[in-house]
Protein backbone atom coordinates (compact mmCIF):
# COMPACT_ATOMS: atom_id res chain seq x y z
CA MET A 1 70.15 100.44 83.60
CA LYS A 2 68.65 99.84 87.02
CA ALA A 3 68.40 102.81 89.37
CA THR A 4 69.59 101.81 92.82
CA ASN A 5 70.25 103.57 96.03
CA PHE A 6 74.03 103.66 96.34
CA LEU A 7 73.78 103.51 100.14
CA GLN A 8 72.36 99.98 99.92
CA GLU A 9 75.33 98.50 98.06
CA PRO A 10 76.94 95.54 99.83
CA GLY A 11 80.01 96.49 101.80
CA LEU A 12 79.24 100.18 101.69
CA ALA A 13 77.54 100.14 105.08
CA ASP A 14 80.78 98.92 106.65
CA ALA A 15 82.71 101.65 104.87
CA TRP A 16 80.27 104.28 106.13
CA THR A 17 80.61 102.92 109.67
CA LYS A 18 84.40 103.03 109.53
CA LEU A 19 84.32 106.55 108.12
CA ALA A 20 81.95 107.67 110.86
CA HIS A 21 84.20 106.17 113.53
CA ALA A 22 87.27 107.81 112.03
CA LEU A 23 85.61 111.21 111.87
CA ALA A 24 84.31 110.87 115.40
CA PHE A 25 87.84 110.07 116.63
CA TYR A 26 86.96 106.52 117.64
CA PRO A 27 89.49 104.52 115.64
CA GLN A 28 89.04 100.77 115.57
CA PRO A 29 91.96 98.45 116.18
CA ALA A 30 93.53 96.85 113.12
CA GLY A 31 92.21 93.42 114.06
CA GLY A 32 88.62 94.59 113.68
CA SER A 33 87.63 93.83 117.26
CA SER A 34 85.65 96.50 119.04
CA HIS A 35 87.40 96.23 122.41
CA GLN A 36 90.63 97.98 123.17
CA VAL A 37 93.42 96.36 125.08
CA ALA A 38 95.18 98.53 127.63
CA THR A 39 98.89 98.21 126.98
CA LYS A 40 101.78 99.89 128.65
CA PRO A 41 103.55 102.32 126.29
CA ALA A 42 107.02 101.24 125.29
CA LYS A 43 109.82 103.12 126.93
CA LEU A 44 111.66 105.28 124.42
CA GLY A 45 115.40 105.13 124.09
CA ILE A 46 117.72 108.12 124.04
CA PHE A 47 117.79 108.33 120.24
CA GLU A 48 114.00 108.28 119.90
CA ARG A 49 113.65 110.98 122.53
CA LEU A 50 116.36 113.06 120.87
CA ASP A 51 114.72 112.59 117.48
CA ARG A 52 111.35 113.74 118.87
CA TRP A 53 112.96 116.76 120.48
CA PHE A 54 114.65 117.76 117.21
CA TRP A 55 111.37 117.28 115.33
CA LYS A 56 109.48 119.45 117.82
CA GLN A 57 112.12 122.17 117.44
CA HIS A 58 111.84 121.98 113.66
CA VAL A 59 108.05 122.24 113.77
CA LYS A 60 108.25 125.18 116.18
CA GLU A 61 110.68 127.02 113.90
CA CYS A 62 108.42 126.43 110.89
CA GLU A 63 105.37 127.67 112.78
CA ASP A 64 107.23 130.77 113.94
CA TYR A 65 108.35 131.46 110.37
CA LEU A 66 104.79 131.11 109.08
CA ALA A 67 103.38 133.24 111.90
CA LYS A 68 105.50 136.21 110.81
CA SER A 69 103.60 136.54 107.54
CA LYS A 70 101.58 139.72 107.18
CA ASP A 71 98.80 138.48 104.87
CA VAL A 72 97.50 135.32 103.28
CA PHE A 73 99.57 135.81 100.12
CA GLU A 74 102.81 136.02 102.07
CA LEU A 75 101.71 133.01 104.13
CA GLU A 76 101.16 130.98 100.97
CA GLN A 77 104.56 132.02 99.62
CA ARG A 78 106.24 131.03 102.87
CA MET A 79 104.45 127.67 102.79
CA ARG A 80 105.71 127.07 99.26
CA ASN A 81 109.22 128.02 100.39
CA LEU A 82 109.06 125.50 103.22
CA ASP A 83 107.80 122.80 100.86
CA ARG A 84 110.69 123.50 98.53
CA LEU A 85 113.20 123.30 101.39
CA VAL A 86 111.90 119.96 102.57
CA GLY A 87 111.75 118.45 99.09
CA SER A 88 114.77 120.30 97.71
CA ARG A 89 115.79 117.30 95.63
CA TYR A 90 113.58 118.34 92.70
CA TYR A 91 113.65 122.13 93.05
């Protein structure tokens, strides 16, 4: 068995570069090009805006519920309760 440096494997350098960019919050476009195209954001319709508003309200309610916990054990229990409410199909 030949001992090799795993950092010198082909293709791994590209993976390390992509990981470094992702961790540094410099995502690359899906096409692989390094330049970014300035595009105008699409205007949201009434249903998308309403959906976002409802989602923000839901997240705020969940955060308020979790913030009322007195210790880490109660916080973990509340998190499990929220997980069970969201995925109530199997619980």
